[in-house]
Amino acid sequence: MSDDSVKGASKSRGRKMLRRAVRLESFAAMVGLATQIKDYHAGLSPARKPFEWQPGAGRSVLLKDVDVVDVKRGQVNHHRGILFADGRITDIVGTRELGNVSADAVFDCNGLVAMPGLINCHCHILMPGGLGIALDLAVSLRRQSLRNFEECAVRGVTTVREASSLPLVLNALTSKIDNFELLGPRVVGCASGIKAVGGYPDFTARLPRFLEEKLGQFSYDVTDPESGRAAVRLCEELGARFIKLFFDDQSLFFGHKRLNVLDDATVRAIVKEAHDTGRRVGVHQSQLKGFRRALELGVDDLEHMPVDGYLTDDDVAKFMDGDHHITPTITVGLSLGIAREGHPALADPLMEALAAERERVQRVVSPSAAEPAIVKMNQKVIDILTSLPEGGKPRVPFISDPEPFLTGIGEANIRKMYEAGAKFCCGNDGGVPLTWPGTLAIEMGLLEYLGVSRADVLRSATINAASLIDMESELGSIEAGKLADIVLLSENPFDDIRAVERVEAVFRSGVLLHRGPRFGLVSKG
């Protein structure tokens, strides 16, 4: 054999060995990846059962010796009974009559405090509460979405106002919840949001047709009045109970890229189309111009609070002149307003308080509400932002610029609106980083910190919220004729608003979703 033949054979063997080595390495990598994914799946939280106990049709239930929160009067009525059947409250029994009342099932509450089921007025229940790119995070997303429903039920949030989602996914899950096949709250949604082409939210993209048929769209892009009206009809077909618009003209991300907005004629057409079918219209706005446009163009309800300038007396007066609600979502400032070390804003007592609450949330609340990968990713984002140099920009994608939330302007506007008597509703934008739909108690504590009375904080999450979703005759207070959405607490929320975190039992439409060790059935007929 010639030298060239020997060299050729040697090269051929070398290539074969290299290909074999690459295949073996690829196979080993795939096995390692599969093992890693399996380990991540094993570390996910177990699913909860869909409910604890359900009375039969026509069977009466009595909650005996319970202190009842009257959110309308701002007081607690002691040693009462709550009687309900077929999902509705039939009577509030006075102290003297308690001994003469019977029911098919009796729970002796031993002085527990009953309040109406909480209503989260602004959340995204399918979003995970953390953003980033990591394998363990990807593995956790589906479980976290389902857990968001479960945590609402466990934490006393019996209704959520879903402020844009993937509607086909949401509808499939809410159908299971309504039938008590999945643990979760009642969902009142807008289906998809409606926005301008190239507008906010710029972090979402239109899904291709084959995915839209399975999932739906997070938002519809419209260009003119005709397409705006068509988008409203599409949302209604998907079960929308209200219509959601977006008005911000700049991105939340570093650089604050300019974004398109819906023109006035299109907004007016959308509002009219919605109102003609009895639906309210809400709008995402975090700028003065958005706040003012909403009131000029007939929008009913405002999500968030302007953070780029101070509201004038005239702005507030125009809001008060109409049937408007506003959901401040202070928790967004806690979630996104993470200041670098040494930032001048940290000298503000409010920013200091938000930083302390953020630390408590990450240490205490997050591990009990979120999957480990999400807790870890949120801590990574906190570490990145707090260690940024002055004027620095993170290299990691999906991190919003904290500066707009560090001015204190939004909080000043909240105080101004509250002092004017604006109808506040309680929502935490659950689903954005560091917050989940069930952790509404954090928002309630922040509202109190900003000067909202405890009675009004409770109203914002109950009777005001019921008005926002057009269910005031059904929800929002513990009264005869209303749905039996009842949360039992170990302490009085008028003494400490964080008592709403100490949940002993949760009923939705008379079905016991969750109970703690202090709550048990005494007798059953």
Protein backbone atom coordinates (compact mmCIF):
# COMPACT_ATOMS: atom_id res chain seq x y z
CA MET A 1 0.00 0.00 0.00
CA SER A 2 1.38 3.41 -0.91
CA ASP A 3 2.09 6.10 1.63
CA ASP A 4 -0.80 8.16 0.23
CA SER A 5 -3.16 5.21 0.69
CA VAL A 6 -1.98 4.73 4.28
CA LYS A 7 -2.46 8.41 5.00
CA GLY A 8 -5.91 8.35 3.41
CA ALA A 9 -7.00 5.33 5.41
CA SER A 10 -5.65 6.92 8.57
CA LYS A 11 -7.59 10.15 7.92
CA SER A 12 -10.75 8.16 7.22
CA ARG A 13 -10.39 6.27 10.49
CA GLY A 14 -9.75 9.55 12.25
CA ARG A 15 -12.91 11.11 10.82
CA LYS A 16 -14.95 8.07 11.82
CA MET A 17 -13.55 8.19 15.34
CA LEU A 18 -14.28 11.90 15.56
CA ARG A 19 -17.85 11.42 14.33
CA ARG A 20 -18.27 8.57 16.81
CA ALA A 21 -16.90 10.74 19.62
CA VAL A 22 -19.22 13.61 18.67
CA ARG A 23 -22.20 11.25 18.60
CA LEU A 24 -21.25 9.82 21.98
CA GLU A 25 -20.77 13.30 23.41
CA SER A 26 -24.12 14.44 21.98
CA PHE A 27 -25.81 11.35 23.36
CA ALA A 28 -24.26 11.94 26.77
CA ALA A 29 -25.37 15.58 26.66
CA MET A 30 -28.92 14.54 25.77
CA VAL A 31 -28.97 11.99 28.59
CA GLY A 32 -27.65 14.63 30.97
CA LEU A 33 -30.25 17.12 29.81
CA ALA A 34 -33.06 14.58 30.18
CA THR A 35 -31.83 13.71 33.67
CA GLN A 36 -31.68 17.39 34.58
CA ILE A 37 -35.22 17.99 33.30
CA LYS A 38 -36.43 14.94 35.21
CA ASP A 39 -34.80 16.27 38.40
CA TYR A 40 -36.42 19.68 37.88
CA HIS A 41 -39.83 18.05 37.39
CA ALA A 42 -39.33 16.05 40.57
CA GLY A 43 -38.72 19.28 42.46
CA LEU A 44 -42.00 20.90 41.42
CA SER A 45 -44.74 21.37 43.99
CA PRO A 46 -47.52 18.74 44.03
CA ALA A 47 -50.97 19.66 42.71
CA ARG A 48 -53.62 20.43 45.32
CA LYS A 49 -57.00 18.73 45.34
CA PRO A 50 -59.81 20.81 43.82
CA PHE A 51 -61.76 21.32 47.06
CA GLU A 52 -62.00 20.09 50.65
CA TRP A 53 -65.72 19.57 51.09
CA GLN A 54 -68.89 20.22 49.13
CA PRO A 55 -72.43 20.22 50.54
CA GLY A 56 -75.10 18.37 48.60
CA ALA A 57 -77.83 20.12 46.65
CA GLY A 58 -80.37 21.74 48.97
CA ARG A 59 -78.26 21.03 52.07
CA SER A 60 -77.87 23.94 54.47
CA VAL A 61 -74.60 24.97 56.12
CA LEU A 62 -74.11 27.05 59.28
CA LEU A 63 -70.93 28.85 60.28
CA LYS A 64 -71.55 29.21 64.01
CA ASP A 65 -70.06 31.73 66.45
CA VAL A 66 -68.22 33.79 63.87
CA ASP A 67 -67.30 37.49 63.90
CA VAL A 68 -68.56 38.97 60.63
CA VAL A 69 -66.77 41.81 58.84
CA ASP A 70 -69.25 44.39 57.56
CA VAL A 71 -67.23 46.09 54.82
CA LYS A 72 -69.94 48.64 54.07
CA ARG A 73 -70.06 50.02 57.62
CA GLY A 74 -66.42 49.34 58.40
CA GLN A 75 -67.06 47.26 61.51
CA VAL A 76 -67.11 43.72 62.88
CA ASN A 77 -70.31 42.16 64.24
CA HIS A 78 -69.43 39.62 66.92
CA HIS A 79 -70.83 36.15 67.67
CA ARG A 80 -72.98 35.71 64.59
CA GLY A 81 -73.97 32.81 62.38
CA ILE A 82 -73.79 32.64 58.59
CA LEU A 83 -76.34 30.32 57.03
CA PHE A 84 -76.08 29.30 53.38
CA ALA A 85 -77.36 26.69 50.94
CA ASP A 86 -76.88 25.97 47.24
CA GLY A 87 -73.99 28.42 47.11
CA ARG A 88 -75.88 31.47 48.45
CA ILE A 89 -76.14 33.10 51.85
CA THR A 90 -79.65 32.76 53.20
CA ASP A 91 -79.34 34.53 56.56
CA ILE A 92 -76.99 36.28 58.97
CA VAL A 93 -78.05 34.95 62.37
CA GLY A 94 -77.93 37.24 65.41
CA THR A 95 -76.26 36.25 68.67
CA ARG A 96 -79.52 35.57 70.52
CA GLU A 97 -80.90 33.33 67.78
CA LEU A 98 -77.80 31.17 67.35
CA GLY A 99 -78.99 28.51 69.77
CA ASN A 100 -82.26 28.07 67.88
CA VAL A 101 -80.80 27.66 64.38
CA SER A 102 -80.08 24.26 62.87
CA ALA A 103 -78.50 23.21 59.59
CA ASP A 104 -77.53 20.05 57.77
CA ALA A 105 -73.86 20.84 58.40
CA VAL A 106 -72.49 23.00 61.21
CA PHE A 107 -69.00 24.46 61.58
CA ASP A 108 -68.22 25.86 65.04
CA CYS A 109 -65.90 28.75 64.22
CA ASN A 110 -65.02 29.59 67.83
CA GLY A 111 -64.67 33.31 67.19
CA LEU A 112 -62.91 33.20 63.82
CA VAL A 113 -63.41 36.32 61.71
CA ALA A 114 -65.39 36.03 58.45
CA MET A 115 -64.80 38.48 55.63
CA PRO A 116 -66.04 38.45 52.02
CA GLY A 117 -63.87 36.61 49.52
CA LEU A 118 -61.14 38.90 48.22
CA ILE A 119 -61.23 40.09 44.61
CA ASN A 120 -57.94 40.73 42.82
CA CYS A 121 -58.89 43.48 40.38
CA HIS A 122 -55.85 43.31 38.14
CA CYS A 123 -53.73 40.25 37.50
CA HIS A 124 -52.38 37.93 34.81
CA ILE A 125 -53.03 34.52 36.25
CA LEU A 126 -51.16 32.50 33.61
CA MET A 127 -47.96 34.53 34.01
CA PRO A 128 -45.32 33.01 36.32
CA GLY A 129 -44.26 35.93 38.51
CA GLY A 130 -40.73 35.89 37.14
CA LEU A 131 -38.98 36.47 33.81
CA GLY A 132 -35.76 35.07 32.42
CA ILE A 133 -34.18 32.33 30.36
CA ALA A 134 -33.19 29.14 32.18
CA LEU A 135 -33.99 25.46 31.85
CA ASP A 136 -35.38 25.07 35.36
CA LEU A 137 -37.56 28.14 34.81
CA ALA A 138 -38.93 26.72 31.54
CA VAL A 139 -39.75 23.42 33.26
CA SER A 140 -41.59 25.30 36.02
CA LEU A 141 -43.86 27.49 33.87
CA ARG A 142 -46.83 25.17 33.45
CA ARG A 143 -46.86 24.14 37.11
CA GLN A 144 -46.59 27.77 38.23
CA SER A 145 -49.55 28.77 36.06
CA LEU A 146 -51.71 26.10 37.70
CA ARG A 147 -50.31 26.97 41.10
CA ASN A 148 -51.37 30.59 40.63
CA PHE A 149 -54.98 29.39 40.58
CA GLU A 150 -54.45 27.19 43.65
CA GLU A 151 -52.71 29.87 45.69
CA CYS A 152 -55.61 32.27 45.13
CA ALA A 153 -58.00 29.78 46.71
CA VAL A 154 -55.68 29.02 49.62
CA ARG A 155 -55.03 32.71 50.35
CA GLY A 156 -58.64 33.90 50.26
CA VAL A 157 -58.79 35.38 46.76
CA THR A 158 -62.04 33.89 45.49
CA THR A 159 -62.36 36.06 42.35
CA VAL A 160 -59.82 37.54 39.96
CA ARG A 161 -60.21 40.13 37.24
CA GLU A 162 -57.88 38.81 34.54
CA ALA A 163 -56.41 41.76 32.64
CA SER A 164 -55.30 39.97 29.42
CA SER A 165 -54.15 36.45 28.89
CA LEU A 166 -54.16 33.58 26.40
CA PRO A 167 -57.96 33.23 26.30
CA LEU A 168 -58.34 29.67 25.02
CA VAL A 169 -55.99 28.33 27.69
CA LEU A 170 -57.70 30.42 30.34
CA ASN A 171 -61.18 29.33 29.27
CA ALA A 172 -60.25 25.65 29.45
CA LEU A 173 -58.86 26.04 32.96
CA THR A 174 -61.67 28.24 34.28
CA SER A 175 -64.22 25.70 33.04
CA LYS A 176 -62.55 23.12 35.28
CA ILE A 177 -62.52 25.58 38.19
CA ASP A 178 -66.20 26.40 37.75
CA ASN A 179 -66.95 22.68 37.92
CA PHE A 180 -64.72 22.21 40.98
CA GLU A 181 -62.34 19.97 39.03
CA LEU A 182 -59.42 22.34 39.63
CA LEU A 183 -58.70 24.44 42.71
CA GLY A 184 -58.96 28.12 41.98
CA PRO A 185 -60.92 31.37 42.02
CA ARG A 186 -63.79 32.61 39.89
CA VAL A 187 -62.30 34.37 36.84
CA VAL A 188 -63.70 37.52 35.22
CA GLY A 189 -61.57 38.30 32.19
CA CYS A 190 -61.13 40.53 29.16
CA ALA A 191 -59.95 37.64 26.94
CA SER A 192 -57.27 39.48 24.90
CA GLY A 193 -56.11 43.06 25.22
CA ILE A 194 -56.48 45.55 22.34
CA LYS A 195 -53.52 47.68 21.25
CA ALA A 196 -51.99 49.61 18.36
CA VAL A 197 -49.68 47.87 15.92
CA GLY A 198 -46.20 48.37 17.37
CA GLY A 199 -47.70 49.49 20.66
CA TYR A 200 -47.48 48.53 24.30
CA PRO A 201 -47.11 45.79 25.51
CA ASP A 202 -44.02 45.59 23.28
CA PHE A 203 -42.77 42.47 25.06
CA THR A 204 -45.51 40.36 23.47
CA ALA A 205 -45.73 39.15 19.89
CA ARG A 206 -48.60 38.01 17.72
CA LEU A 207 -48.75 34.23 17.71
CA PRO A 208 -48.82 32.36 14.40
CA ARG A 209 -52.14 30.95 13.26
CA PHE A 210 -51.51 27.35 14.40
CA LEU A 211 -50.74 28.53 17.96
CA GLU A 212 -53.57 31.06 18.00
CA GLU A 213 -56.00 28.22 17.27
CA LYS A 214 -54.75 26.40 20.38
CA LEU A 215 -53.98 29.28 22.75
CA GLY A 216 -55.61 32.47 21.52
CA GLN A 217 -53.81 35.83 21.37
CA PHE A 218 -52.55 37.83 24.34
CA SER A 219 -53.58 41.00 22.48
CA TYR A 220 -55.07 42.08 19.17
CA ASP A 221 -53.42 44.74 16.99
CA VAL A 222 -55.88 47.24 15.50
CA THR A 223 -55.35 50.10 13.06
CA ASP A 224 -58.67 51.93 12.72
CA PRO A 225 -62.23 52.10 14.11
CA GLU A 226 -63.44 49.16 12.03
CA SER A 227 -60.69 46.81 13.20
CA GLY A 228 -61.18 48.12 16.75
CA ARG A 229 -64.86 47.17 16.72
CA ALA A 230 -63.98 43.78 15.23
CA ALA A 231 -61.46 43.17 18.03
CA VAL A 232 -64.12 43.92 20.65
CA ARG A 233 -66.42 41.36 19.04
CA LEU A 234 -63.63 38.77 18.99
CA CYS A 235 -62.99 39.34 22.69
CA GLU A 236 -66.70 39.02 23.45
CA GLU A 237 -66.86 35.73 21.54
CA LEU A 238 -64.02 34.48 23.74
CA GLY A 239 -65.97 35.34 26.89
CA ALA A 240 -64.71 38.84 27.70
CA ARG A 241 -66.60 40.46 30.58
CA PHE A 242 -64.80 43.78 30.03
CA ILE A 243 -62.51 45.28 27.37
CA LYS A 244 -58.86 46.15 28.01
CA LEU A 245 -56.85 48.81 26.11
CA PHE A 246 -53.24 50.03 26.31
CA PHE A 247 -52.25 53.71 26.18
CA ASP A 248 -48.53 53.90 27.07
CA ASP A 249 -46.37 55.37 24.28
CA GLN A 250 -42.99 54.17 25.52
CA SER A 251 -41.42 50.89 26.56
CA LEU A 252 -40.74 49.87 30.15
CA PHE A 253 -37.32 48.57 29.16
CA PHE A 254 -34.06 50.48 29.24
CA GLY A 255 -33.95 53.05 26.46
CA HIS A 256 -37.71 53.64 26.64
CA LYS A 257 -38.33 53.03 22.96
CA ARG A 258 -41.20 55.08 21.57
CA LEU A 259 -44.34 53.06 20.84
CA ASN A 260 -47.46 53.58 18.76
CA VAL A 261 -50.82 54.26 20.43
CA LEU A 262 -54.44 53.89 19.39
CA ASP A 263 -55.83 57.05 17.78
CA ASP A 264 -58.82 58.86 19.28
CA ALA A 265 -61.36 57.73 16.66
CA THR A 266 -60.41 54.08 17.17
CA VAL A 267 -60.67 54.36 20.95
CA ARG A 268 -64.10 55.99 20.72
CA ALA A 269 -65.29 53.22 18.38
CA ILE A 270 -64.01 50.53 20.76
CA VAL A 271 -65.66 52.18 23.77
CA LYS A 272 -69.00 52.50 22.01
CA GLU A 273 -68.92 48.89 20.77
CA ALA A 274 -68.20 47.67 24.29
CA HIS A 275 -70.82 49.88 25.93
CA ASP A 276 -73.46 48.79 23.44
CA THR A 277 -73.14 45.26 24.81
CA GLY A 278 -72.97 46.34 28.46
CA ARG A 279 -69.23 45.95 28.95
CA ARG A 280 -66.95 48.35 30.77
CA VAL A 281 -63.63 49.44 29.27
CA GLY A 282 -60.39 49.56 31.24
CA VAL A 283 -57.06 50.94 30.11
CA HIS A 284 -53.44 50.35 31.01
CA GLN A 285 -51.87 53.76 31.54
CA SER A 286 -48.85 54.91 33.53
CA GLN A 287 -48.50 58.40 32.05
CA LEU A 288 -50.40 61.63 32.56
CA LYS A 289 -51.35 61.81 28.89
CA GLY A 290 -52.86 58.32 29.11
CA PHE A 291 -54.84 59.19 32.24
CA ARG A 292 -56.21 62.32 30.59
CA ARG A 293 -57.02 60.62 27.27
CA ALA A 294 -58.93 57.88 29.08
CA LEU A 295 -61.25 60.40 30.73
CA GLU A 296 -61.69 62.41 27.52
CA LEU A 297 -62.51 59.37 25.37
CA GLY A 298 -65.08 57.69 27.61
CA VAL A 299 -62.96 54.91 29.13
CA ASP A 300 -64.52 53.66 32.36
CA ASP A 301 -61.71 52.31 34.50
CA LEU A 302 -57.99 52.94 34.87
CA GLU A 303 -55.29 50.38 35.57
CA HIS A 304 -52.18 51.59 37.49
CA MET A 305 -51.32 55.22 38.27
CA PRO A 306 -49.35 57.87 36.33
CA VAL A 307 -45.68 57.86 37.33
CA ASP A 308 -44.31 60.50 34.95
CA GLY A 309 -45.97 63.59 36.45
CA TYR A 310 -48.28 64.87 39.17
CA LEU A 311 -52.05 64.86 38.73
CA THR A 312 -53.66 68.28 38.91
CA ASP A 313 -56.84 69.16 40.79
CA ASP A 314 -58.57 69.34 37.39
CA ASP A 315 -57.41 65.80 36.53
CA VAL A 316 -58.85 64.47 39.76
CA ALA A 317 -62.10 66.42 39.37
CA LYS A 318 -62.66 64.94 35.90
CA PHE A 319 -62.13 61.45 37.31
CA MET A 320 -64.58 62.11 40.13
CA ASP A 321 -67.23 63.43 37.72
CA GLY A 322 -67.71 60.02 36.11
CA ASP A 323 -68.41 56.44 37.11
CA HIS A 324 -64.74 55.52 37.26
CA HIS A 325 -62.66 53.04 39.26
CA ILE A 326 -58.89 53.01 39.54
CA THR A 327 -56.65 50.09 40.55
CA PRO A 328 -53.30 51.58 41.66
CA THR A 329 -51.20 48.33 41.69
CA ILE A 330 -48.58 49.68 44.10
CA THR A 331 -46.97 46.25 44.06
CA VAL A 332 -45.62 47.06 40.58
CA GLY A 333 -43.34 49.61 42.26
CA LEU A 334 -42.17 46.92 44.66
CA SER A 335 -41.62 44.47 41.79
CA LEU A 336 -40.00 46.73 39.22
CA GLY A 337 -38.64 49.71 41.21
CA ILE A 338 -35.46 47.98 42.39
CA ALA A 339 -32.82 50.66 43.01
CA ARG A 340 -29.07 50.17 42.69
CA GLU A 341 -27.00 50.45 45.86
CA GLY A 342 -26.43 54.09 46.72
CA HIS A 343 -29.32 55.35 44.58
CA PRO A 344 -30.61 58.72 45.89
CA ALA A 345 -34.17 57.37 45.95
CA LEU A 346 -33.25 55.06 48.83
CA ALA A 347 -33.23 58.08 51.12
CA ASP A 348 -37.01 58.33 50.64
CA PRO A 349 -38.81 56.51 53.52
CA LEU A 350 -41.29 55.07 51.02
CA MET A 351 -38.52 53.53 48.90
CA GLU A 352 -36.91 52.21 52.06
CA ALA A 353 -40.22 50.64 53.08
CA LEU A 354 -40.68 49.08 49.64
CA ALA A 355 -37.17 47.63 49.77
CA ALA A 356 -37.89 46.12 53.20
CA GLU A 357 -41.18 44.65 51.99
CA ARG A 358 -39.44 43.28 48.88
CA GLU A 359 -36.94 41.51 51.11
CA ARG A 360 -39.78 40.05 53.20
CA VAL A 361 -41.63 38.92 50.08
CA GLN A 362 -38.57 37.18 48.66
CA ARG A 363 -37.69 35.57 52.00
CA VAL A 364 -41.16 34.61 53.28
CA VAL A 365 -43.87 34.92 50.64
CA SER A 366 -42.15 33.80 47.44
CA PRO A 367 -41.09 30.34 48.66
CA SER A 368 -44.69 29.64 49.69
CA ALA A 369 -46.26 30.94 46.46
CA ALA A 370 -43.79 30.10 43.69
CA GLU A 371 -41.68 27.30 42.31
CA PRO A 372 -38.00 27.32 43.37
CA ALA A 373 -36.72 28.24 39.89
CA ILE A 374 -38.88 31.37 39.88
CA VAL A 375 -37.72 32.41 43.35
CA LYS A 376 -34.11 31.91 42.20
CA MET A 377 -34.61 33.91 38.99
CA ASN A 378 -36.21 36.81 40.85
CA GLN A 379 -33.29 36.92 43.25
CA LYS A 380 -30.92 37.01 40.28
CA VAL A 381 -32.77 40.03 38.85
CA ILE A 382 -32.68 41.78 42.23
CA ASP A 383 -28.94 41.16 42.50
CA ILE A 384 -28.34 42.44 38.95
CA LEU A 385 -30.27 45.68 39.48
CA THR A 386 -28.94 46.46 42.95
CA SER A 387 -25.34 46.01 41.74
CA LEU A 388 -25.65 48.18 38.60
CA PRO A 389 -23.22 51.12 38.43
CA GLU A 390 -24.68 54.60 38.07
CA GLY A 391 -26.00 54.99 34.54
CA GLY A 392 -25.42 51.30 33.87
CA LYS A 393 -27.61 49.01 31.82
CA PRO A 394 -27.93 45.25 32.42
CA ARG A 395 -26.86 42.89 29.66
CA VAL A 396 -29.56 40.40 30.63
CA PRO A 397 -32.79 40.68 28.57
CA PHE A 398 -36.31 41.02 30.03
CA ILE A 399 -35.29 43.42 32.80
CA SER A 400 -37.28 46.64 32.91
CA ASP A 401 -35.82 50.01 33.80
CA PRO A 402 -36.58 50.75 37.49
CA GLU A 403 -36.12 54.54 37.22
CA PRO A 404 -39.79 55.46 36.47
CA PHE A 405 -40.82 53.73 39.71
CA LEU A 406 -38.24 55.44 41.93
CA THR A 407 -39.55 59.01 41.76
CA GLY A 408 -42.38 58.74 44.29
CA ILE A 409 -44.72 60.46 41.81
CA GLY A 410 -47.07 57.49 41.53
CA GLU A 411 -47.43 57.27 45.29
CA ALA A 412 -48.15 61.02 45.56
CA ASN A 413 -50.86 60.62 42.92
CA ILE A 414 -52.38 57.73 44.87
CA ARG A 415 -52.62 59.87 47.99
CA LYS A 416 -54.16 62.76 46.04
CA MET A 417 -56.77 60.52 44.44
CA TYR A 418 -57.63 58.86 47.75
CA GLU A 419 -58.03 62.16 49.57
CA ALA A 420 -60.46 63.23 46.82
CA GLY A 421 -62.60 60.14 47.45
CA ALA A 422 -61.73 58.17 44.29
CA LYS A 423 -63.14 54.66 44.14
CA PHE A 424 -60.07 52.50 44.69
CA CYS A 425 -59.93 48.83 43.76
CA CYS A 426 -57.26 46.41 44.89
CA GLY A 427 -55.11 44.59 42.34
CA ASN A 428 -51.45 43.63 42.39
CA ASP A 429 -50.66 42.92 38.70
CA GLY A 430 -50.03 39.37 39.87
CA GLY A 431 -47.92 37.49 37.34
CA VAL A 432 -45.26 40.16 36.93
CA PRO A 433 -41.97 39.44 38.74
CA LEU A 434 -42.18 39.06 42.51
CA THR A 435 -45.96 38.95 42.69
CA TRP A 436 -48.69 36.36 42.13
CA PRO A 437 -52.48 36.67 41.87
CA GLY A 438 -53.00 35.06 45.27
CA THR A 439 -50.64 37.37 47.18
CA LEU A 440 -53.08 40.28 47.22
CA ALA A 441 -52.39 40.88 50.92
CA ILE A 442 -49.11 42.58 49.96
CA GLU A 443 -50.99 45.20 47.95
CA MET A 444 -53.42 45.71 50.81
CA GLY A 445 -50.54 46.38 53.20
CA LEU A 446 -48.97 48.87 50.79
CA LEU A 447 -52.28 50.71 50.40
CA GLU A 448 -52.44 51.12 54.16
CA TYR A 449 -48.83 52.33 54.25
CA LEU A 450 -49.76 55.11 51.81
CA GLY A 451 -52.54 56.32 54.07
CA VAL A 452 -55.60 54.39 52.96
CA SER A 453 -57.67 53.43 56.02
CA ARG A 454 -58.04 49.75 56.83
CA ALA A 455 -61.77 49.97 56.21
CA ASP A 456 -61.15 51.43 52.74
CA VAL A 457 -58.42 48.89 52.00
CA LEU A 458 -60.93 46.13 52.73
CA ARG A 459 -63.57 47.85 50.60
CA SER A 460 -61.10 48.15 47.72
CA ALA A 461 -60.67 44.36 47.69
CA THR A 462 -64.35 43.52 48.23
CA ILE A 463 -67.34 45.80 47.64
CA ASN A 464 -65.54 48.32 45.36
CA ALA A 465 -64.03 45.44 43.42
CA ALA A 466 -67.45 43.84 43.00
CA SER A 467 -68.71 47.13 41.55
CA LEU A 468 -65.82 47.19 39.08
CA ILE A 469 -66.73 43.74 37.70
CA ASP A 470 -70.49 44.46 37.74
CA MET A 471 -71.13 41.83 40.41
CA GLU A 472 -72.04 44.00 43.40
CA SER A 473 -75.37 42.17 43.76
CA GLU A 474 -73.48 38.85 43.94
CA LEU A 475 -70.17 39.51 45.67
CA GLY A 476 -68.23 41.93 47.86
CA SER A 477 -70.05 41.65 51.19
CA ILE A 478 -71.50 39.02 53.49
CA GLU A 479 -75.25 39.51 53.07
CA ALA A 480 -78.31 37.37 52.50
CA GLY A 481 -78.85 36.68 48.80
CA LYS A 482 -75.20 36.96 47.82
CA LEU A 483 -72.89 34.14 46.82
CA ALA A 484 -71.27 32.38 49.76
CA ASP A 485 -67.72 33.56 49.07
CA ILE A 486 -66.43 33.65 52.64
CA VAL A 487 -62.90 33.74 54.06
CA LEU A 488 -62.30 32.90 57.71
CA LEU A 489 -59.35 34.55 59.44
CA SER A 490 -57.74 33.90 62.78
CA GLU A 491 -57.56 37.64 63.53
CA ASN A 492 -59.48 40.85 62.92
CA PRO A 493 -58.24 42.76 59.83
CA PHE A 494 -59.42 46.05 61.38
CA ASP A 495 -56.76 45.53 64.06
CA ASP A 496 -54.05 44.48 61.59
CA ILE A 497 -54.50 44.48 57.81
CA ARG A 498 -52.01 41.62 57.54
CA ALA A 499 -54.56 39.45 59.30
CA VAL A 500 -55.79 38.75 55.74
CA GLU A 501 -52.66 36.58 55.36
CA ARG A 502 -53.73 34.35 58.26
CA VAL A 503 -56.42 32.33 56.50
CA GLU A 504 -58.17 29.47 58.28
CA ALA A 505 -60.79 28.53 55.68
CA VAL A 506 -62.06 29.62 52.26
CA PHE A 507 -65.51 29.06 50.73
CA ARG A 508 -66.38 29.89 47.11
CA SER A 509 -70.06 29.62 46.24
CA GLY A 510 -70.54 27.58 49.42
CA VAL A 511 -67.88 24.99 48.61
CA LEU A 512 -65.03 24.64 51.10
CA LEU A 513 -61.89 25.11 49.02
CA HIS A 514 -59.33 25.21 51.81
CA ARG A 515 -59.17 24.80 55.55
CA GLY A 516 -56.51 25.09 58.22
CA PRO A 517 -56.10 23.18 61.48
CA ARG A 518 -58.48 25.41 63.46
CA PHE A 519 -61.43 24.78 61.18
CA GLY A 520 -63.38 21.54 61.25
CA LEU A 521 -66.86 20.19 60.68
CA VAL A 522 -68.75 19.72 63.96
CA SER A 523 -71.90 18.00 62.75
CA LYS A 524 -73.23 16.82 59.43
CA GLY A 525 -76.78 15.81 58.66
